[in-house]
Amino acid sequence: MYNNIGSYPEEAMEDGLPAEAFRRDMSYLVENNYRVVDLDEAMMLAKGKRKIPDKVLALTFDGGYLDAFSTVFPTLKELGLPATFCVGVNDVGGSVDLGGVKVPCLEWDQVKEIADDGYEIAAYTLSGRIYHPDNPEMEERLISEIREAAEVIPEKVGRPLRYVAVREGIPGRNVHKVLKEIGIEAFLAKCPTKRRPHRYSIGRIQVDDDDPNIFFIKISRNYLRFKDSRTWPYLRRFRVTHLTHRISDTINAKRAAKQQSDG
């Protein structure tokens, strides 16, 4: 799960990643024989209809920012990697606020070009707000946006809407009914979901660290076992999760010192 990719002011980079770091991540996957699959195949694997091989993952890009077309799309095409772009239908042609910074979004002709190249277009809902299923007003808005996206996306890109994404949060029964009614394959959220796997609660690992060591950890199965479990909040509470960053900082410092010494 990636968000904005590129050179943005620091206040807009809470969930973002520099373009060079994104390119490094994607190159690592290719050079180390990771199998990047589209969401259709990922769902087949999740349903247990196929054996899950080692080093397999799917890529999603949330927000529908302009950098999805200018930076992400060309890189994926060059490297031959499939992905899903999650676009807010009401944000297309406009801009969104990231940390007080106005960030431009995709135009519909750009979304169409991405779709025509074989990439999946999903609906990104609630404009990046965290979804709280116990909030009736927010649930009503989510349902309204899903229904709207199910009409607009097929009209604009010529393909049905099959996936819905939210920044964070798991839908309840009312939303489940709408997803089934429309024929949505999966609802994409963010880990930890703290519940058993279900197609309407797909947890995703957010990549927002400009640090190759952290990226290696986040694409490992061991990390996923912890991140999508009920123990994760306790690990965060006692700051155990910060240990990986400390270890990485130490490794990077030693590497930098060695390079300086060699130079």
C-alpha atoms as a PDB file:
ATOM      1  CA  MET A   1       0.000   0.000   0.000  1.00  0.00           C
ATOM      2  CA  TYR A   2       1.617   3.195  -1.254  1.00  0.00           C
ATOM      3  CA  ASN A   3       0.299   6.740  -1.104  1.00  0.00           C
ATOM      4  CA  ASN A   4       1.813   9.877  -2.648  1.00  0.00           C
ATOM      5  CA  ILE A   5       5.129   9.362  -4.438  1.00  0.00           C
ATOM      6  CA  GLY A   6       7.421  12.265  -5.286  1.00  0.00           C
ATOM      7  CA  SER A   7       9.016  15.493  -4.111  1.00  0.00           C
ATOM      8  CA  TYR A   8       6.536  17.112  -1.745  1.00  0.00           C
ATOM      9  CA  PRO A   9       6.945  19.519   1.189  1.00  0.00           C
ATOM     10  CA  GLU A  10       7.773  17.658   4.388  1.00  0.00           C
ATOM     11  CA  GLU A  11       4.339  18.279   5.885  1.00  0.00           C
ATOM     12  CA  ALA A  12       2.735  16.328   3.018  1.00  0.00           C
ATOM     13  CA  MET A  13       4.974  13.285   3.445  1.00  0.00           C
ATOM     14  CA  GLU A  14       3.535  11.603   6.528  1.00  0.00           C
ATOM     15  CA  ASP A  15       2.481   8.658   4.352  1.00  0.00           C
ATOM     16  CA  GLY A  16       4.477   9.585   1.258  1.00  0.00           C
ATOM     17  CA  LEU A  17       7.698   8.345  -0.287  1.00  0.00           C
ATOM     18  CA  PRO A  18      10.311  10.027  -2.493  1.00  0.00           C
ATOM     19  CA  ALA A  19      10.303   8.914  -6.129  1.00  0.00           C
ATOM     20  CA  GLU A  20      13.835   7.522  -5.915  1.00  0.00           C
ATOM     21  CA  ALA A  21      12.892   5.378  -2.903  1.00  0.00           C
ATOM     22  CA  PHE A  22       9.853   4.023  -4.748  1.00  0.00           C
ATOM     23  CA  ARG A  23      11.998   3.192  -7.769  1.00  0.00           C
ATOM     24  CA  ARG A  24      14.474   1.408  -5.488  1.00  0.00           C
ATOM     25  CA  ASP A  25      11.667  -0.672  -3.957  1.00  0.00           C
ATOM     26  CA  MET A  26      10.296  -1.739  -7.331  1.00  0.00           C
ATOM     27  CA  SER A  27      13.750  -2.534  -8.721  1.00  0.00           C
ATOM     28  CA  TYR A  28      14.458  -4.680  -5.674  1.00  0.00           C
ATOM     29  CA  LEU A  29      11.331  -6.750  -6.326  1.00  0.00           C
ATOM     30  CA  VAL A  30      12.330  -7.360  -9.938  1.00  0.00           C
ATOM     31  CA  GLU A  31      16.009  -8.050  -9.266  1.00  0.00           C
ATOM     32  CA  ASN A  32      15.219 -10.477  -6.458  1.00  0.00           C
ATOM     33  CA  ASN A  33      12.591 -12.472  -8.363  1.00  0.00           C
ATOM     34  CA  TYR A  34       9.529 -11.433  -6.390  1.00  0.00           C
ATOM     35  CA  ARG A  35       6.291 -12.377  -8.086  1.00  0.00           C
ATOM     36  CA  VAL A  36       4.070  -9.315  -8.231  1.00  0.00           C
ATOM     37  CA  VAL A  37       0.457 -10.287  -8.986  1.00  0.00           C
ATOM     38  CA  ASP A  38      -2.686  -8.317  -9.718  1.00  0.00           C
ATOM     39  CA  LEU A  39      -5.535  -8.239  -7.218  1.00  0.00           C
ATOM     40  CA  ASP A  40      -7.502 -10.894  -9.068  1.00  0.00           C
ATOM     41  CA  GLU A  41      -4.733 -13.431  -8.583  1.00  0.00           C
ATOM     42  CA  ALA A  42      -4.098 -12.211  -5.053  1.00  0.00           C
ATOM     43  CA  MET A  43      -7.742 -12.903  -4.197  1.00  0.00           C
ATOM     44  CA  MET A  44      -7.522 -16.382  -5.729  1.00  0.00           C
ATOM     45  CA  LEU A  45      -4.556 -17.079  -3.486  1.00  0.00           C
ATOM     46  CA  ALA A  46      -6.316 -15.592  -0.451  1.00  0.00           C
ATOM     47  CA  LYS A  47      -9.340 -17.822  -1.043  1.00  0.00           C
ATOM     48  CA  GLY A  48      -7.077 -20.852  -0.965  1.00  0.00           C
ATOM     49  CA  LYS A  49      -7.827 -21.820  -4.554  1.00  0.00           C
ATOM     50  CA  ARG A  50      -4.143 -21.836  -5.362  1.00  0.00           C
ATOM     51  CA  LYS A  51      -1.068 -22.554  -3.282  1.00  0.00           C
ATOM     52  CA  ILE A  52       0.615 -19.349  -2.192  1.00  0.00           C
ATOM     53  CA  PRO A  53       4.210 -19.366  -3.490  1.00  0.00           C
ATOM     54  CA  ASP A  54       7.115 -17.691  -1.744  1.00  0.00           C
ATOM     55  CA  LYS A  55       7.932 -14.042  -2.474  1.00  0.00           C
ATOM     56  CA  VAL A  56       4.549 -13.068  -3.886  1.00  0.00           C
ATOM     57  CA  LEU A  57       2.737  -9.766  -3.311  1.00  0.00           C
ATOM     58  CA  ALA A  58       0.331  -7.263  -4.853  1.00  0.00           C
ATOM     59  CA  LEU A  59       0.747  -3.478  -5.153  1.00  0.00           C
ATOM     60  CA  THR A  60      -1.903  -0.826  -4.505  1.00  0.00           C
ATOM     61  CA  PHE A  61      -1.637   2.973  -4.767  1.00  0.00           C
ATOM     62  CA  ASP A  62      -4.095   5.083  -2.795  1.00  0.00           C
ATOM     63  CA  GLY A  63      -5.260   8.647  -3.335  1.00  0.00           C
ATOM     64  CA  GLY A  64      -5.380   9.118  -7.093  1.00  0.00           C
ATOM     65  CA  TYR A  65      -2.703  11.811  -6.975  1.00  0.00           C
ATOM     66  CA  LEU A  66      -1.178  13.174 -10.163  1.00  0.00           C
ATOM     67  CA  ASP A  67       2.101  11.429  -9.342  1.00  0.00           C
ATOM     68  CA  ALA A  68       0.304   8.117  -9.970  1.00  0.00           C
ATOM     69  CA  PHE A  69       0.417   9.050 -13.658  1.00  0.00           C
ATOM     70  CA  SER A  70       3.668  11.022 -13.831  1.00  0.00           C
ATOM     71  CA  THR A  71       5.838   8.779 -11.638  1.00  0.00           C
ATOM     72  CA  VAL A  72       4.215   5.492 -10.604  1.00  0.00           C
ATOM     73  CA  PHE A  73       2.583   4.435 -13.869  1.00  0.00           C
ATOM     74  CA  PRO A  74       5.739   4.837 -16.044  1.00  0.00           C
ATOM     75  CA  THR A  75       7.897   2.984 -13.518  1.00  0.00           C
ATOM     76  CA  LEU A  76       5.490   0.054 -13.274  1.00  0.00           C
ATOM     77  CA  LYS A  77       5.166  -0.142 -17.065  1.00  0.00           C
ATOM     78  CA  GLU A  78       8.926  -0.134 -17.552  1.00  0.00           C
ATOM     79  CA  LEU A  79       9.432  -2.907 -15.005  1.00  0.00           C
ATOM     80  CA  GLY A  80       6.375  -4.900 -16.095  1.00  0.00           C
ATOM     81  CA  LEU A  81       4.656  -4.832 -12.700  1.00  0.00           C
ATOM     82  CA  PRO A  82       0.857  -5.026 -12.277  1.00  0.00           C
ATOM     83  CA  ALA A  83      -0.898  -2.844  -9.716  1.00  0.00           C
ATOM     84  CA  THR A  84      -4.192  -1.326  -8.611  1.00  0.00           C
ATOM     85  CA  PHE A  85      -4.767   2.434  -8.514  1.00  0.00           C
ATOM     86  CA  CYS A  86      -7.337   3.558  -5.934  1.00  0.00           C
ATOM     87  CA  VAL A  87      -8.990   6.772  -7.113  1.00  0.00           C
ATOM     88  CA  GLY A  88     -11.461   9.073  -5.397  1.00  0.00           C
ATOM     89  CA  VAL A  89     -14.073   9.838  -8.054  1.00  0.00           C
ATOM     90  CA  ASN A  90     -14.919  13.206  -6.507  1.00  0.00           C
ATOM     91  CA  ASP A  91     -11.258  14.218  -6.373  1.00  0.00           C
ATOM     92  CA  VAL A  92     -10.450  13.554 -10.035  1.00  0.00           C
ATOM     93  CA  GLY A  93      -9.613  16.806 -11.806  1.00  0.00           C
ATOM     94  CA  GLY A  94      -9.115  18.629  -8.518  1.00  0.00           C
ATOM     95  CA  SER A  95      -6.762  18.522  -5.561  1.00  0.00           C
ATOM     96  CA  VAL A  96      -6.684  17.211  -2.005  1.00  0.00           C
ATOM     97  CA  ASP A  97      -5.160  18.473   1.205  1.00  0.00           C
ATOM     98  CA  LEU A  98      -2.172  16.561   2.574  1.00  0.00           C
ATOM     99  CA  GLY A  99      -0.840  18.114   5.751  1.00  0.00           C
ATOM    100  CA  GLY A 100      -1.990  21.554   4.641  1.00  0.00           C
ATOM    101  CA  VAL A 101      -0.491  21.147   1.161  1.00  0.00           C
ATOM    102  CA  LYS A 102      -2.731  21.161  -1.913  1.00  0.00           C
ATOM    103  CA  VAL A 103      -1.786  18.090  -3.953  1.00  0.00           C
ATOM    104  CA  PRO A 104      -3.139  17.777  -7.527  1.00  0.00           C
ATOM    105  CA  CYS A 105      -5.091  14.673  -8.506  1.00  0.00           C
ATOM    106  CA  LEU A 106      -5.439  12.707 -11.721  1.00  0.00           C
ATOM    107  CA  GLU A 107      -7.607  13.795 -14.639  1.00  0.00           C
ATOM    108  CA  TRP A 108     -10.092  11.290 -16.061  1.00  0.00           C
ATOM    109  CA  ASP A 109      -8.168  10.935 -19.326  1.00  0.00           C
ATOM    110  CA  GLN A 110      -5.113   9.906 -17.307  1.00  0.00           C
ATOM    111  CA  VAL A 111      -7.154   7.399 -15.286  1.00  0.00           C
ATOM    112  CA  LYS A 112      -8.486   6.009 -18.564  1.00  0.00           C
ATOM    113  CA  GLU A 113      -4.981   5.661 -20.002  1.00  0.00           C
ATOM    114  CA  ILE A 114      -3.851   3.747 -16.921  1.00  0.00           C
ATOM    115  CA  ALA A 115      -6.887   1.468 -17.165  1.00  0.00           C
ATOM    116  CA  ASP A 116      -6.405   0.943 -20.903  1.00  0.00           C
ATOM    117  CA  ASP A 117      -2.916  -0.316 -20.163  1.00  0.00           C
ATOM    118  CA  GLY A 118      -4.415  -3.141 -18.090  1.00  0.00           C
ATOM    119  CA  TYR A 119      -4.168  -1.688 -14.595  1.00  0.00           C
ATOM    120  CA  GLU A 120      -7.055  -2.050 -12.141  1.00  0.00           C
ATOM    121  CA  ILE A 121      -8.923   1.091 -11.074  1.00  0.00           C
ATOM    122  CA  ALA A 122     -10.458   0.871  -7.608  1.00  0.00           C
ATOM    123  CA  ALA A 123     -12.531   3.400  -5.660  1.00  0.00           C
ATOM    124  CA  TYR A 124     -10.719   5.343  -2.936  1.00  0.00           C
ATOM    125  CA  THR A 125     -13.322   6.499  -0.436  1.00  0.00           C
ATOM    126  CA  LEU A 126     -13.775   9.089   2.331  1.00  0.00           C
ATOM    127  CA  SER A 127     -10.940  11.262   0.938  1.00  0.00           C
ATOM    128  CA  GLY A 128      -8.364   9.510   3.058  1.00  0.00           C
ATOM    129  CA  ARG A 129     -10.259   9.780   6.342  1.00  0.00           C
ATOM    130  CA  ILE A 130     -10.132   6.806   8.709  1.00  0.00           C
ATOM    131  CA  TYR A 131     -13.414   4.921   8.549  1.00  0.00           C
ATOM    132  CA  HIS A 132     -15.230   4.346  11.848  1.00  0.00           C
ATOM    133  CA  PRO A 133     -18.077   1.822  11.320  1.00  0.00           C
ATOM    134  CA  ASP A 134     -19.785   2.905  14.538  1.00  0.00           C
ATOM    135  CA  ASN A 135     -20.280   6.395  13.092  1.00  0.00           C
ATOM    136  CA  PRO A 136     -23.652   6.358  11.223  1.00  0.00           C
ATOM    137  CA  GLU A 137     -22.909   9.546   9.294  1.00  0.00           C
ATOM    138  CA  MET A 138     -19.575   8.206   8.075  1.00  0.00           C
ATOM    139  CA  GLU A 139     -21.122   4.850   7.166  1.00  0.00           C
ATOM    140  CA  GLU A 140     -23.819   6.611   5.156  1.00  0.00           C
ATOM    141  CA  ARG A 141     -21.182   8.645   3.331  1.00  0.00           C
ATOM    142  CA  LEU A 142     -19.125   5.526   2.583  1.00  0.00           C
ATOM    143  CA  ILE A 143     -22.127   3.712   1.126  1.00  0.00           C
ATOM    144  CA  SER A 144     -23.015   6.764  -0.969  1.00  0.00           C
ATOM    145  CA  GLU A 145     -19.465   7.012  -2.335  1.00  0.00           C
ATOM    146  CA  ILE A 146     -19.343   3.300  -3.167  1.00  0.00           C
ATOM    147  CA  ARG A 147     -22.605   3.539  -5.100  1.00  0.00           C
ATOM    148  CA  GLU A 148     -21.415   6.652  -6.924  1.00  0.00           C
ATOM    149  CA  ALA A 149     -18.068   5.081  -7.820  1.00  0.00           C
ATOM    150  CA  ALA A 150     -19.868   1.981  -9.127  1.00  0.00           C
ATOM    151  CA  GLU A 151     -21.611   4.232 -11.654  1.00  0.00           C
ATOM    152  CA  VAL A 152     -18.855   6.715 -12.491  1.00  0.00           C
ATOM    153  CA  ILE A 153     -15.816   4.454 -12.904  1.00  0.00           C
ATOM    154  CA  PRO A 154     -17.386   2.127 -15.507  1.00  0.00           C
ATOM    155  CA  GLU A 155     -18.622   5.190 -17.415  1.00  0.00           C
ATOM    156  CA  LYS A 156     -15.202   6.864 -17.379  1.00  0.00           C
ATOM    157  CA  VAL A 157     -12.861   3.896 -17.909  1.00  0.00           C
ATOM    158  CA  GLY A 158     -15.114   1.325 -19.551  1.00  0.00           C
ATOM    159  CA  ARG A 159     -14.585  -1.338 -16.914  1.00  0.00           C
ATOM    160  CA  PRO A 160     -16.696  -2.318 -13.875  1.00  0.00           C
ATOM    161  CA  LEU A 161     -15.736  -1.335 -10.362  1.00  0.00           C
ATOM    162  CA  ARG A 162     -14.559  -4.448  -8.518  1.00  0.00           C
ATOM    163  CA  TYR A 163     -12.476  -3.133  -5.620  1.00  0.00           C
ATOM    164  CA  VAL A 164     -13.036  -0.469  -2.971  1.00  0.00           C
ATOM    165  CA  ALA A 165     -10.324   0.988  -0.745  1.00  0.00           C
ATOM    166  CA  VAL A 166     -10.283   3.062   2.396  1.00  0.00           C
ATOM    167  CA  ARG A 167      -7.318   4.498   4.258  1.00  0.00           C
ATOM    168  CA  GLU A 168      -8.125   2.491   7.371  1.00  0.00           C
ATOM    169  CA  GLY A 169     -11.132   0.783   8.928  1.00  0.00           C
ATOM    170  CA  ILE A 170     -13.247  -2.319   8.385  1.00  0.00           C
ATOM    171  CA  PRO A 171     -16.857  -2.131   7.140  1.00  0.00           C
ATOM    172  CA  GLY A 172     -19.792  -3.561   9.031  1.00  0.00           C
ATOM    173  CA  ARG A 173     -22.842  -5.509   7.850  1.00  0.00           C
ATOM    174  CA  ASN A 174     -24.629  -2.596   6.189  1.00  0.00           C
ATOM    175  CA  VAL A 175     -21.653  -1.882   3.967  1.00  0.00           C
ATOM    176  CA  HIS A 176     -21.188  -5.611   3.319  1.00  0.00           C
ATOM    177  CA  LYS A 177     -24.687  -5.749   1.874  1.00  0.00           C
ATOM    178  CA  VAL A 178     -23.942  -2.907  -0.529  1.00  0.00           C
ATOM    179  CA  LEU A 179     -20.618  -4.418  -1.581  1.00  0.00           C
ATOM    180  CA  LYS A 180     -22.323  -7.742  -2.351  1.00  0.00           C
ATOM    181  CA  GLU A 181     -25.185  -6.034  -4.151  1.00  0.00           C
ATOM    182  CA  ILE A 182     -22.816  -4.135  -6.445  1.00  0.00           C
ATOM    183  CA  GLY A 183     -20.526  -7.117  -6.965  1.00  0.00           C
ATOM    184  CA  ILE A 184     -17.391  -5.783  -5.304  1.00  0.00           C
ATOM    185  CA  GLU A 185     -14.664  -8.430  -5.081  1.00  0.00           C
ATOM    186  CA  ALA A 186     -12.846  -7.038  -2.053  1.00  0.00           C
ATOM    187  CA  PHE A 187     -12.655  -4.130   0.372  1.00  0.00           C
ATOM    188  CA  LEU A 188      -9.090  -2.930   0.923  1.00  0.00           C
ATOM    189  CA  ALA A 189      -8.084  -1.441   4.248  1.00  0.00           C
ATOM    190  CA  LYS A 190      -4.813  -1.299   6.186  1.00  0.00           C
ATOM    191  CA  CYS A 191      -3.231  -3.672   8.669  1.00  0.00           C
ATOM    192  CA  PRO A 192      -3.851  -4.464  11.408  1.00  0.00           C
ATOM    193  CA  THR A 193      -7.405  -5.636  10.803  1.00  0.00           C
ATOM    194  CA  LYS A 194      -7.245  -7.671  14.033  1.00  0.00           C
ATOM    195  CA  ARG A 195      -9.680 -10.228  12.652  1.00  0.00           C
ATOM    196  CA  ARG A 196      -9.806 -13.371  10.563  1.00  0.00           C
ATOM    197  CA  PRO A 197      -9.148 -12.885   6.837  1.00  0.00           C
ATOM    198  CA  HIS A 198     -12.217 -11.917   4.833  1.00  0.00           C
ATOM    199  CA  ARG A 199     -12.596 -10.450   1.364  1.00  0.00           C
ATOM    200  CA  TYR A 200     -14.196  -7.353   2.878  1.00  0.00           C
ATOM    201  CA  SER A 201     -11.349  -6.796   5.319  1.00  0.00           C
ATOM    202  CA  ILE A 202      -8.144  -7.072   3.297  1.00  0.00           C
ATOM    203  CA  GLY A 203      -5.325  -5.654   5.387  1.00  0.00           C
ATOM    204  CA  ARG A 204      -2.463  -3.987   3.527  1.00  0.00           C
ATOM    205  CA  ILE A 205       1.049  -3.088   4.638  1.00  0.00           C
ATOM    206  CA  GLN A 206       1.712   0.625   4.189  1.00  0.00           C
ATOM    207  CA  VAL A 207       5.135   1.485   2.754  1.00  0.00           C
ATOM    208  CA  ASP A 208       6.169   4.996   3.790  1.00  0.00           C
ATOM    209  CA  ASP A 209       9.792   4.621   4.946  1.00  0.00           C
ATOM    210  CA  ASP A 210      12.700   5.825   2.826  1.00  0.00           C
ATOM    211  CA  ASP A 211      14.785   2.992   4.195  1.00  0.00           C
ATOM    212  CA  PRO A 212      15.537  -0.231   2.276  1.00  0.00           C
ATOM    213  CA  ASN A 213      15.966  -2.219   5.497  1.00  0.00           C
ATOM    214  CA  ILE A 214      12.419  -1.372   6.609  1.00  0.00           C
ATOM    215  CA  PHE A 215      11.107  -2.235   3.149  1.00  0.00           C
ATOM    216  CA  PHE A 216      12.754  -5.674   3.333  1.00  0.00           C
ATOM    217  CA  ILE A 217      11.082  -6.254   6.696  1.00  0.00           C
ATOM    218  CA  LYS A 218       7.664  -5.103   5.519  1.00  0.00           C
ATOM    219  CA  ILE A 219       7.575  -7.486   2.552  1.00  0.00           C
ATOM    220  CA  SER A 220       8.436 -10.480   4.717  1.00  0.00           C
ATOM    221  CA  ARG A 221       5.811 -13.007   5.799  1.00  0.00           C
ATOM    222  CA  ASN A 222       6.955 -12.808   9.409  1.00  0.00           C
ATOM    223  CA  TYR A 223       6.129  -9.110   9.523  1.00  0.00           C
ATOM    224  CA  LEU A 224       2.647  -9.768   8.148  1.00  0.00           C
ATOM    225  CA  ARG A 225       2.003 -12.433  10.784  1.00  0.00           C
ATOM    226  CA  PHE A 226       2.589  -9.850  13.502  1.00  0.00           C
ATOM    227  CA  LYS A 227       1.077  -6.822  11.759  1.00  0.00           C
ATOM    228  CA  ASP A 228      -2.311  -8.393  11.080  1.00  0.00           C
ATOM    229  CA  SER A 229      -2.656  -9.976  14.504  1.00  0.00           C
ATOM    230  CA  ARG A 230      -4.350  -8.893  17.717  1.00  0.00           C
ATOM    231  CA  THR A 231      -0.948  -8.537  19.395  1.00  0.00           C
ATOM    232  CA  TRP A 232       0.109  -5.615  17.190  1.00  0.00           C
ATOM    233  CA  PRO A 233      -1.485  -2.824  19.298  1.00  0.00           C
ATOM    234  CA  TYR A 234       0.360  -4.133  22.361  1.00  0.00           C
ATOM    235  CA  LEU A 235       3.644  -4.247  20.474  1.00  0.00           C
ATOM    236  CA  ARG A 236       3.108  -0.613  19.515  1.00  0.00           C
ATOM    237  CA  ARG A 237       2.066   0.379  23.031  1.00  0.00           C
ATOM    238  CA  PHE A 238       5.308  -0.920  24.470  1.00  0.00           C
ATOM    239  CA  ARG A 239       7.264   0.524  21.515  1.00  0.00           C
ATOM    240  CA  VAL A 240       8.577  -2.878  20.483  1.00  0.00           C
ATOM    241  CA  THR A 241       7.847  -1.918  16.874  1.00  0.00           C
ATOM    242  CA  HIS A 242      10.387   0.895  17.141  1.00  0.00           C
ATOM    243  CA  LEU A 243      13.090  -1.726  17.540  1.00  0.00           C
ATOM    244  CA  THR A 244      13.167  -2.415  13.794  1.00  0.00           C
ATOM    245  CA  HIS A 245      13.811   1.262  13.111  1.00  0.00           C
ATOM    246  CA  ARG A 246      16.574   1.401  15.700  1.00  0.00           C
ATOM    247  CA  ILE A 247      18.234  -1.666  14.221  1.00  0.00           C
ATOM    248  CA  SER A 248      17.969  -0.195  10.734  1.00  0.00           C
ATOM    249  CA  ASP A 249      19.393   3.150  11.877  1.00  0.00           C
ATOM    250  CA  THR A 250      22.347   1.303  13.384  1.00  0.00           C
ATOM    251  CA  ILE A 251      22.934  -0.683  10.175  1.00  0.00           C
ATOM    252  CA  ASN A 252      22.717   2.470   8.047  1.00  0.00           C
ATOM    253  CA  ALA A 253      25.082   4.373  10.337  1.00  0.00           C
ATOM    254  CA  LYS A 254      27.668   1.591  10.202  1.00  0.00           C
ATOM    255  CA  ARG A 255      27.336   1.371   6.414  1.00  0.00           C
ATOM    256  CA  ALA A 256      27.777   5.134   6.053  1.00  0.00           C
ATOM    257  CA  ALA A 257      30.818   5.097   8.355  1.00  0.00           C
ATOM    258  CA  LYS A 258      32.383   2.269   6.344  1.00  0.00           C
ATOM    259  CA  GLN A 259      31.773   4.076   3.060  1.00  0.00           C
ATOM    260  CA  GLN A 260      33.328   7.236   4.465  1.00  0.00           C
ATOM    261  CA  SER A 261      36.316   5.254   5.723  1.00  0.00           C
ATOM    262  CA  ASP A 262      36.725   3.498   2.369  1.00  0.00           C
ATOM    263  CA  GLY A 263      36.476   6.810   0.568  1.00  0.00           C
END
